[in-house]
Amino acid sequence: MSPLLGHAITVTLVLYGLAMALGLWRVMRGPSAQDRVLALDFLSVVGMLIMLVLAIRYDSSMYFEGALLLALFGFVSSVAMAKFLLRGEVIE
């Protein structure tokens, strides 16, 4: 791995960590439940991006599979929470 790529990955991980901290702050301080659900969806996307950057850094395909699972569970949980907030029940 080139030194430029190594520095770019480090900067990217630091910025994603900052984004996750801001998203966590929105989850804790969100004025409404919809804001909190959106922040949780944001956290799942940023977590997936962190796993993809780590896959590039360590040259491992296991991180790609984990990122795929995280994206799938993040989408399903966002849909379930949106349906719960809209109707008050998840399973009809």
PDB file of N, CA and C in Angstrom:
ATOM      1  N   MET A   1       0.844  -1.166   0.000  1.00  0.00           N
ATOM      2  CA  MET A   1       0.000   0.000   0.000  1.00  0.00           C
ATOM      3  C   MET A   1       0.897   1.240   0.000  1.00  0.00           C
ATOM      4  N   SER A   2       0.529   2.215  -0.805  1.00  0.00           N
ATOM      5  CA  SER A   2       1.343   3.425  -0.898  1.00  0.00           C
ATOM      6  C   SER A   2       1.131   4.316   0.330  1.00  0.00           C
ATOM      7  N   PRO A   3       2.111   5.134   0.643  1.00  0.00           N
ATOM      8  CA  PRO A   3       1.958   6.024   1.805  1.00  0.00           C
ATOM      9  C   PRO A   3       0.786   7.004   1.647  1.00  0.00           C
ATOM     10  N   LEU A   4       0.547   7.455   0.431  1.00  0.00           N
ATOM     11  CA  LEU A   4      -0.567   8.371   0.199  1.00  0.00           C
ATOM     12  C   LEU A   4      -1.905   7.699   0.512  1.00  0.00           C
ATOM     13  N   LEU A   5      -2.053   6.460   0.091  1.00  0.00           N
ATOM     14  CA  LEU A   5      -3.283   5.717   0.383  1.00  0.00           C
ATOM     15  C   LEU A   5      -3.425   5.465   1.878  1.00  0.00           C
ATOM     16  N   GLY A   6      -2.330   5.167   2.545  1.00  0.00           N
ATOM     17  CA  GLY A   6      -2.371   4.961   3.987  1.00  0.00           C
ATOM     18  C   GLY A   6      -2.815   6.209   4.734  1.00  0.00           C
ATOM     19  N   HIS A   7      -2.309   7.364   4.337  1.00  0.00           N
ATOM     20  CA  HIS A   7      -2.711   8.616   4.980  1.00  0.00           C
ATOM     21  C   HIS A   7      -4.164   8.954   4.661  1.00  0.00           C
ATOM     22  N   ALA A   8      -4.577   8.713   3.427  1.00  0.00           N
ATOM     23  CA  ALA A   8      -5.961   8.986   3.039  1.00  0.00           C
ATOM     24  C   ALA A   8      -6.936   8.107   3.825  1.00  0.00           C
ATOM     25  N   ILE A   9      -6.582   6.852   4.032  1.00  0.00           N
ATOM     26  CA  ILE A   9      -7.437   5.946   4.804  1.00  0.00           C
ATOM     27  C   ILE A   9      -7.512   6.401   6.257  1.00  0.00           C
ATOM     28  N   THR A  10      -6.392   6.829   6.823  1.00  0.00           N
ATOM     29  CA  THR A  10      -6.390   7.303   8.208  1.00  0.00           C
ATOM     30  C   THR A  10      -7.264   8.544   8.363  1.00  0.00           C
ATOM     31  N   VAL A  11      -7.133   9.492   7.448  1.00  0.00           N
ATOM     32  CA  VAL A  11      -7.960  10.705   7.494  1.00  0.00           C
ATOM     33  C   VAL A  11      -9.434  10.356   7.323  1.00  0.00           C
ATOM     34  N   THR A  12      -9.714   9.444   6.432  1.00  0.00           N
ATOM     35  CA  THR A  12     -11.095   9.036   6.199  1.00  0.00           C
ATOM     36  C   THR A  12     -11.701   8.395   7.440  1.00  0.00           C
ATOM     37  N   LEU A  13     -10.954   7.527   8.099  1.00  0.00           N
ATOM     38  CA  LEU A  13     -11.465   6.887   9.312  1.00  0.00           C
ATOM     39  C   LEU A  13     -11.691   7.892  10.437  1.00  0.00           C
ATOM     40  N   VAL A  14     -10.816   8.881  10.552  1.00  0.00           N
ATOM     41  CA  VAL A  14     -10.999   9.913  11.571  1.00  0.00           C
ATOM     42  C   VAL A  14     -12.259  10.723  11.282  1.00  0.00           C
ATOM     43  N   LEU A  15     -12.465  11.086  10.026  1.00  0.00           N
ATOM     44  CA  LEU A  15     -13.654  11.863   9.663  1.00  0.00           C
ATOM     45  C   LEU A  15     -14.932  11.044   9.827  1.00  0.00           C
ATOM     46  N   TYR A  16     -14.880   9.760   9.514  1.00  0.00           N
ATOM     47  CA  TYR A  16     -16.057   8.904   9.749  1.00  0.00           C
ATOM     48  C   TYR A  16     -16.335   8.772  11.247  1.00  0.00           C
ATOM     49  N   GLY A  17     -15.283   8.712  12.059  1.00  0.00           N
ATOM     50  CA  GLY A  17     -15.477   8.682  13.507  1.00  0.00           C
ATOM     51  C   GLY A  17     -16.145   9.958  14.005  1.00  0.00           C
ATOM     52  N   LEU A  18     -15.749  11.101  13.463  1.00  0.00           N
ATOM     53  CA  LEU A  18     -16.386  12.365  13.811  1.00  0.00           C
ATOM     54  C   LEU A  18     -17.853  12.371  13.376  1.00  0.00           C
ATOM     55  N   ALA A  19     -18.119  11.852  12.188  1.00  0.00           N
ATOM     56  CA  ALA A  19     -19.501  11.776  11.710  1.00  0.00           C
ATOM     57  C   ALA A  19     -20.337  10.870  12.604  1.00  0.00           C
ATOM     58  N   MET A  20     -19.754   9.766  13.073  1.00  0.00           N
ATOM     59  CA  MET A  20     -20.491   8.880  13.974  1.00  0.00           C
ATOM     60  C   MET A  20     -20.753   9.557  15.315  1.00  0.00           C
ATOM     61  N   ALA A  21     -19.806  10.344  15.804  1.00  0.00           N
ATOM     62  CA  ALA A  21     -20.021  11.067  17.062  1.00  0.00           C
ATOM     63  C   ALA A  21     -21.158  12.072  16.912  1.00  0.00           C
ATOM     64  N   LEU A  22     -21.193  12.780  15.786  1.00  0.00           N
ATOM     65  CA  LEU A  22     -22.283  13.726  15.552  1.00  0.00           C
ATOM     66  C   LEU A  22     -23.626  13.011  15.397  1.00  0.00           C
ATOM     67  N   GLY A  23     -23.615  11.871  14.736  1.00  0.00           N
ATOM     68  CA  GLY A  23     -24.849  11.083  14.613  1.00  0.00           C
ATOM     69  C   GLY A  23     -25.326  10.559  15.952  1.00  0.00           C
ATOM     70  N   LEU A  24     -24.396  10.136  16.794  1.00  0.00           N
ATOM     71  CA  LEU A  24     -24.759   9.673  18.132  1.00  0.00           C
ATOM     72  C   LEU A  24     -25.322  10.817  18.972  1.00  0.00           C
ATOM     73  N   TRP A  25     -24.757  12.004  18.789  1.00  0.00           N
ATOM     74  CA  TRP A  25     -25.291  13.172  19.475  1.00  0.00           C
ATOM     75  C   TRP A  25     -26.737  13.431  19.046  1.00  0.00           C
ATOM     76  N   ARG A  26     -27.054  13.254  17.753  1.00  0.00           N
ATOM     77  CA  ARG A  26     -28.414  13.451  17.260  1.00  0.00           C
ATOM     78  C   ARG A  26     -29.349  12.376  17.804  1.00  0.00           C
ATOM     79  N   VAL A  27     -28.841  11.167  17.972  1.00  0.00           N
ATOM     80  CA  VAL A  27     -29.677  10.105  18.552  1.00  0.00           C
ATOM     81  C   VAL A  27     -30.038  10.459  19.997  1.00  0.00           C
ATOM     82  N   MET A  28     -29.084  10.990  20.744  1.00  0.00           N
ATOM     83  CA  MET A  28     -29.338  11.317  22.147  1.00  0.00           C
ATOM     84  C   MET A  28     -30.187  12.575  22.312  1.00  0.00           C
ATOM     85  N   ARG A  29     -29.989  13.576  21.454  1.00  0.00           N
ATOM     86  CA  ARG A  29     -30.655  14.856  21.622  1.00  0.00           C
ATOM     87  C   ARG A  29     -31.772  15.105  20.629  1.00  0.00           C
ATOM     88  N   GLY A  30     -32.088  14.138  19.784  1.00  0.00           N
ATOM     89  CA  GLY A  30     -33.092  14.361  18.751  1.00  0.00           C
ATOM     90  C   GLY A  30     -34.406  14.870  19.311  1.00  0.00           C
ATOM     91  N   PRO A  31     -34.955  15.927  18.724  1.00  0.00           N
ATOM     92  CA  PRO A  31     -36.199  16.458  19.274  1.00  0.00           C
ATOM     93  C   PRO A  31     -37.400  15.542  19.052  1.00  0.00           C
ATOM     94  N   SER A  32     -37.335  14.677  18.069  1.00  0.00           N
ATOM     95  CA  SER A  32     -38.465  13.777  17.823  1.00  0.00           C
ATOM     96  C   SER A  32     -37.960  12.370  17.531  1.00  0.00           C
ATOM     97  N   ALA A  33     -38.887  11.439  17.540  1.00  0.00           N
ATOM     98  CA  ALA A  33     -38.528  10.043  17.260  1.00  0.00           C
ATOM     99  C   ALA A  33     -38.076   9.864  15.813  1.00  0.00           C
ATOM    100  N   GLN A  34     -38.649  10.636  14.906  1.00  0.00           N
ATOM    101  CA  GLN A  34     -38.250  10.538  13.501  1.00  0.00           C
ATOM    102  C   GLN A  34     -36.800  10.964  13.311  1.00  0.00           C
ATOM    103  N   ASP A  35     -36.364  11.991  14.036  1.00  0.00           N
ATOM    104  CA  ASP A  35     -34.959  12.403  13.965  1.00  0.00           C
ATOM    105  C   ASP A  35     -34.036  11.319  14.480  1.00  0.00           C
ATOM    106  N   ARG A  36     -34.456  10.644  15.525  1.00  0.00           N
ATOM    107  CA  ARG A  36     -33.626   9.572  16.084  1.00  0.00           C
ATOM    108  C   ARG A  36     -33.521   8.385  15.129  1.00  0.00           C
ATOM    109  N   VAL A  37     -34.627   8.040  14.465  1.00  0.00           N
ATOM    110  CA  VAL A  37     -34.599   6.939  13.494  1.00  0.00           C
ATOM    111  C   VAL A  37     -33.697   7.302  12.324  1.00  0.00           C
ATOM    112  N   LEU A  38     -33.782   8.534  11.856  1.00  0.00           N
ATOM    113  CA  LEU A  38     -32.926   8.970  10.760  1.00  0.00           C
ATOM    114  C   LEU A  38     -31.456   8.953  11.179  1.00  0.00           C
ATOM    115  N   ALA A  39     -31.171   9.345  12.414  1.00  0.00           N
ATOM    116  CA  ALA A  39     -29.793   9.319  12.907  1.00  0.00           C
ATOM    117  C   ALA A  39     -29.280   7.885  13.030  1.00  0.00           C
ATOM    118  N   LEU A  40     -30.135   6.955  13.456  1.00  0.00           N
ATOM    119  CA  LEU A  40     -29.718   5.548  13.526  1.00  0.00           C
ATOM    120  C   LEU A  40     -29.430   4.984  12.134  1.00  0.00           C
ATOM    121  N   ASP A  41     -30.237   5.387  11.152  1.00  0.00           N
ATOM    122  CA  ASP A  41     -29.980   4.966   9.777  1.00  0.00           C
ATOM    123  C   ASP A  41     -28.650   5.544   9.296  1.00  0.00           C
ATOM    124  N   PHE A  42     -28.387   6.785   9.641  1.00  0.00           N
ATOM    125  CA  PHE A  42     -27.118   7.415   9.295  1.00  0.00           C
ATOM    126  C   PHE A  42     -25.943   6.680   9.930  1.00  0.00           C
ATOM    127  N   LEU A  43     -26.096   6.282  11.199  1.00  0.00           N
ATOM    128  CA  LEU A  43     -25.035   5.550  11.884  1.00  0.00           C
ATOM    129  C   LEU A  43     -24.772   4.203  11.220  1.00  0.00           C
ATOM    130  N   SER A  44     -25.826   3.547  10.758  1.00  0.00           N
ATOM    131  CA  SER A  44     -25.609   2.254  10.093  1.00  0.00           C
ATOM    132  C   SER A  44     -24.885   2.436   8.760  1.00  0.00           C
ATOM    133  N   VAL A  45     -25.197   3.508   8.041  1.00  0.00           N
ATOM    134  CA  VAL A  45     -24.509   3.763   6.770  1.00  0.00           C
ATOM    135  C   VAL A  45     -23.041   4.109   7.011  1.00  0.00           C
ATOM    136  N   VAL A  46     -22.765   4.951   7.994  1.00  0.00           N
ATOM    137  CA  VAL A  46     -21.372   5.310   8.292  1.00  0.00           C
ATOM    138  C   VAL A  46     -20.599   4.095   8.808  1.00  0.00           C
ATOM    139  N   GLY A  47     -21.251   3.249   9.601  1.00  0.00           N
ATOM    140  CA  GLY A  47     -20.597   2.017  10.048  1.00  0.00           C
ATOM    141  C   GLY A  47     -20.244   1.112   8.882  1.00  0.00           C
ATOM    142  N   MET A  48     -21.153   1.043   7.899  1.00  0.00           N
ATOM    143  CA  MET A  48     -20.877   0.252   6.711  1.00  0.00           C
ATOM    144  C   MET A  48     -19.690   0.840   5.945  1.00  0.00           C
ATOM    145  N   LEU A  49     -19.641   2.164   5.833  1.00  0.00           N
ATOM    146  CA  LEU A  49     -18.532   2.800   5.129  1.00  0.00           C
ATOM    147  C   LEU A  49     -17.201   2.569   5.854  1.00  0.00           C
ATOM    148  N   ILE A  50     -17.227   2.582   7.170  1.00  0.00           N
ATOM    149  CA  ILE A  50     -16.001   2.298   7.933  1.00  0.00           C
ATOM    150  C   ILE A  50     -15.524   0.880   7.659  1.00  0.00           C
ATOM    151  N   MET A  51     -16.467  -0.059   7.599  1.00  0.00           N
ATOM    152  CA  MET A  51     -16.074  -1.444   7.304  1.00  0.00           C
ATOM    153  C   MET A  51     -15.492  -1.563   5.903  1.00  0.00           C
ATOM    154  N   LEU A  52     -16.023  -0.815   4.939  1.00  0.00           N
ATOM    155  CA  LEU A  52     -15.481  -0.869   3.582  1.00  0.00           C
ATOM    156  C   LEU A  52     -14.077  -0.267   3.519  1.00  0.00           C
ATOM    157  N   VAL A  53     -13.852   0.820   4.240  1.00  0.00           N
ATOM    158  CA  VAL A  53     -12.512   1.415   4.269  1.00  0.00           C
ATOM    159  C   VAL A  53     -11.521   0.469   4.943  1.00  0.00           C
ATOM    160  N   LEU A  54     -11.957  -0.208   6.008  1.00  0.00           N
ATOM    161  CA  LEU A  54     -11.083  -1.183   6.655  1.00  0.00           C
ATOM    162  C   LEU A  54     -10.790  -2.369   5.736  1.00  0.00           C
ATOM    163  N   ALA A  55     -11.751  -2.728   4.895  1.00  0.00           N
ATOM    164  CA  ALA A  55     -11.514  -3.805   3.926  1.00  0.00           C
ATOM    165  C   ALA A  55     -10.428  -3.410   2.939  1.00  0.00           C
ATOM    166  N   ILE A  56     -10.441  -2.152   2.533  1.00  0.00           N
ATOM    167  CA  ILE A  56      -9.391  -1.684   1.628  1.00  0.00           C
ATOM    168  C   ILE A  56      -8.051  -1.643   2.354  1.00  0.00           C
ATOM    169  N   ARG A  57      -8.068  -1.181   3.593  1.00  0.00           N
ATOM    170  CA  ARG A  57      -6.815  -1.050   4.353  1.00  0.00           C
ATOM    171  C   ARG A  57      -6.157  -2.403   4.603  1.00  0.00           C
ATOM    172  N   TYR A  58      -6.933  -3.396   5.029  1.00  0.00           N
ATOM    173  CA  TYR A  58      -6.369  -4.697   5.375  1.00  0.00           C
ATOM    174  C   TYR A  58      -6.454  -5.715   4.243  1.00  0.00           C
ATOM    175  N   ASP A  59      -7.001  -5.312   3.106  1.00  0.00           N
ATOM    176  CA  ASP A  59      -7.094  -6.168   1.926  1.00  0.00           C
ATOM    177  C   ASP A  59      -7.758  -7.501   2.263  1.00  0.00           C
ATOM    178  N   SER A  60      -8.942  -7.412   2.874  1.00  0.00           N
ATOM    179  CA  SER A  60      -9.667  -8.600   3.310  1.00  0.00           C
ATOM    180  C   SER A  60     -11.105  -8.538   2.795  1.00  0.00           C
ATOM    181  N   SER A  61     -11.581  -9.652   2.281  1.00  0.00           N
ATOM    182  CA  SER A  61     -12.955  -9.692   1.777  1.00  0.00           C
ATOM    183  C   SER A  61     -13.976  -9.920   2.887  1.00  0.00           C
ATOM    184  N   MET A  62     -13.533 -10.297   4.079  1.00  0.00           N
ATOM    185  CA  MET A  62     -14.468 -10.514   5.185  1.00  0.00           C
ATOM    186  C   MET A  62     -15.173  -9.222   5.571  1.00  0.00           C
ATOM    187  N   TYR A  63     -14.483  -8.109   5.477  1.00  0.00           N
ATOM    188  CA  TYR A  63     -15.099  -6.829   5.801  1.00  0.00           C
ATOM    189  C   TYR A  63     -16.212  -6.492   4.811  1.00  0.00           C
ATOM    190  N   PHE A  64     -16.054  -6.876   3.555  1.00  0.00           N
ATOM    191  CA  PHE A  64     -17.089  -6.614   2.562  1.00  0.00           C
ATOM    192  C   PHE A  64     -18.367  -7.377   2.895  1.00  0.00           C
ATOM    193  N   GLU A  65     -18.221  -8.603   3.340  1.00  0.00           N
ATOM    194  CA  GLU A  65     -19.394  -9.390   3.724  1.00  0.00           C
ATOM    195  C   GLU A  65     -20.073  -8.800   4.953  1.00  0.00           C
ATOM    196  N   GLY A  66     -19.273  -8.347   5.908  1.00  0.00           N
ATOM    197  CA  GLY A  66     -19.838  -7.699   7.085  1.00  0.00           C
ATOM    198  C   GLY A  66     -20.550  -6.398   6.731  1.00  0.00           C
ATOM    199  N   ALA A  67     -19.976  -5.637   5.807  1.00  0.00           N
ATOM    200  CA  ALA A  67     -20.611  -4.389   5.376  1.00  0.00           C
ATOM    201  C   ALA A  67     -21.930  -4.671   4.664  1.00  0.00           C
ATOM    202  N   LEU A  68     -21.982  -5.737   3.891  1.00  0.00           N
ATOM    203  CA  LEU A  68     -23.228  -6.112   3.218  1.00  0.00           C
ATOM    204  C   LEU A  68     -24.299  -6.483   4.233  1.00  0.00           C
ATOM    205  N   LEU A  69     -23.932  -7.245   5.239  1.00  0.00           N
ATOM    206  CA  LEU A  69     -24.893  -7.604   6.293  1.00  0.00           C
ATOM    207  C   LEU A  69     -25.342  -6.378   7.084  1.00  0.00           C
ATOM    208  N   LEU A  70     -24.425  -5.483   7.376  1.00  0.00           N
ATOM    209  CA  LEU A  70     -24.783  -4.266   8.099  1.00  0.00           C
ATOM    210  C   LEU A  70     -25.734  -3.403   7.278  1.00  0.00           C
ATOM    211  N   ALA A  71     -25.513  -3.301   5.987  1.00  0.00           N
ATOM    212  CA  ALA A  71     -26.423  -2.534   5.131  1.00  0.00           C
ATOM    213  C   ALA A  71     -27.804  -3.169   5.095  1.00  0.00           C
ATOM    214  N   LEU A  72     -27.853  -4.490   5.019  1.00  0.00           N
ATOM    215  CA  LEU A  72     -29.138  -5.193   4.990  1.00  0.00           C
ATOM    216  C   LEU A  72     -29.910  -4.998   6.289  1.00  0.00           C
ATOM    217  N   PHE A  73     -29.242  -5.207   7.426  1.00  0.00           N
ATOM    218  CA  PHE A  73     -29.920  -5.042   8.710  1.00  0.00           C
ATOM    219  C   PHE A  73     -30.282  -3.585   8.975  1.00  0.00           C
ATOM    220  N   GLY A  74     -29.458  -2.654   8.526  1.00  0.00           N
ATOM    221  CA  GLY A  74     -29.775  -1.242   8.684  1.00  0.00           C
ATOM    222  C   GLY A  74     -31.014  -0.846   7.912  1.00  0.00           C
ATOM    223  N   PHE A  75     -31.149  -1.348   6.690  1.00  0.00           N
ATOM    224  CA  PHE A  75     -32.323  -1.051   5.885  1.00  0.00           C
ATOM    225  C   PHE A  75     -33.580  -1.649   6.499  1.00  0.00           C
ATOM    226  N   VAL A  76     -33.506  -2.903   6.893  1.00  0.00           N
ATOM    227  CA  VAL A  76     -34.677  -3.572   7.472  1.00  0.00           C
ATOM    228  C   VAL A  76     -35.100  -2.899   8.778  1.00  0.00           C
ATOM    229  N   SER A  77     -34.144  -2.528   9.613  1.00  0.00           N
ATOM    230  CA  SER A  77     -34.504  -1.876  10.872  1.00  0.00           C
ATOM    231  C   SER A  77     -35.083  -0.486  10.634  1.00  0.00           C
ATOM    232  N   SER A  78     -34.591   0.233   9.633  1.00  0.00           N
ATOM    233  CA  SER A  78     -35.150   1.551   9.326  1.00  0.00           C
ATOM    234  C   SER A  78     -36.584   1.434   8.839  1.00  0.00           C
ATOM    235  N   VAL A  79     -36.851   0.459   8.003  1.00  0.00           N
ATOM    236  CA  VAL A  79     -38.211   0.251   7.516  1.00  0.00           C
ATOM    237  C   VAL A  79     -39.134  -0.153   8.661  1.00  0.00           C
ATOM    238  N   ALA A  80     -38.667  -1.024   9.538  1.00  0.00           N
ATOM    239  CA  ALA A  80     -39.487  -1.458  10.669  1.00  0.00           C
ATOM    240  C   ALA A  80     -39.787  -0.297  11.611  1.00  0.00           C
ATOM    241  N   MET A  81     -38.786   0.530  11.902  1.00  0.00           N
ATOM    242  CA  MET A  81     -39.015   1.673  12.789  1.00  0.00           C
ATOM    243  C   MET A  81     -39.932   2.705  12.151  1.00  0.00           C
ATOM    244  N   ALA A  82     -39.786   2.938  10.853  1.00  0.00           N
ATOM    245  CA  ALA A  82     -40.674   3.887  10.170  1.00  0.00           C
ATOM    246  C   ALA A  82     -42.115   3.383  10.181  1.00  0.00           C
ATOM    247  N   LYS A  83     -42.289   2.093   9.963  1.00  0.00           N
ATOM    248  CA  LYS A  83     -43.636   1.527   9.995  1.00  0.00           C
ATOM    249  C   LYS A  83     -44.216   1.587  11.404  1.00  0.00           C
ATOM    250  N   PHE A  84     -43.400   1.353  12.400  1.00  0.00           N
ATOM    251  CA  PHE A  84     -43.865   1.431  13.782  1.00  0.00           C
ATOM    252  C   PHE A  84     -44.272   2.860  14.141  1.00  0.00           C
ATOM    253  N   LEU A  85     -43.474   3.837  13.731  1.00  0.00           N
ATOM    254  CA  LEU A  85     -43.818   5.222  14.041  1.00  0.00           C
ATOM    255  C   LEU A  85     -45.045   5.692  13.276  1.00  0.00           C
ATOM    256  N   LEU A  86     -45.266   5.132  12.094  1.00  0.00           N
ATOM    257  CA  LEU A  86     -46.409   5.536  11.276  1.00  0.00           C
ATOM    258  C   LEU A  86     -47.702   4.908  11.773  1.00  0.00           C
ATOM    259  N   ARG A  87     -47.683   3.614  12.080  1.00  0.00           N
ATOM    260  CA  ARG A  87     -48.908   2.896  12.417  1.00  0.00           C
ATOM    261  C   ARG A  87     -48.993   2.422  13.856  1.00  0.00           C
ATOM    262  N   GLY A  88     -47.890   2.339  14.558  1.00  0.00           N
ATOM    263  CA  GLY A  88     -47.919   1.869  15.927  1.00  0.00           C
ATOM    264  C   GLY A  88     -47.737   0.371  16.061  1.00  0.00           C
ATOM    265  N   GLU A  89     -47.568  -0.337  14.946  1.00  0.00           N
ATOM    266  CA  GLU A  89     -47.325  -1.781  14.984  1.00  0.00           C
ATOM    267  C   GLU A  89     -46.427  -2.144  13.810  1.00  0.00           C
ATOM    268  N   VAL A  90     -45.646  -3.182  13.997  1.00  0.00           N
ATOM    269  CA  VAL A  90     -44.705  -3.592  12.951  1.00  0.00           C
ATOM    270  C   VAL A  90     -45.289  -4.744  12.148  1.00  0.00           C
ATOM    271  N   ILE A  91     -45.848  -5.737  12.833  1.00  0.00           N
ATOM    272  CA  ILE A  91     -46.416  -6.909  12.172  1.00  0.00           C
ATOM    273  C   ILE A  91     -47.925  -6.785  12.197  1.00  0.00           C
ATOM    274  N   GLU A  92     -48.500  -6.896  11.012  1.00  0.00           N
ATOM    275  CA  GLU A  92     -49.972  -6.774  10.926  1.00  0.00           C
ATOM    276  C   GLU A  92     -50.624  -8.123  11.079  1.00  0.00           C
TER     277      GLU A  92
END
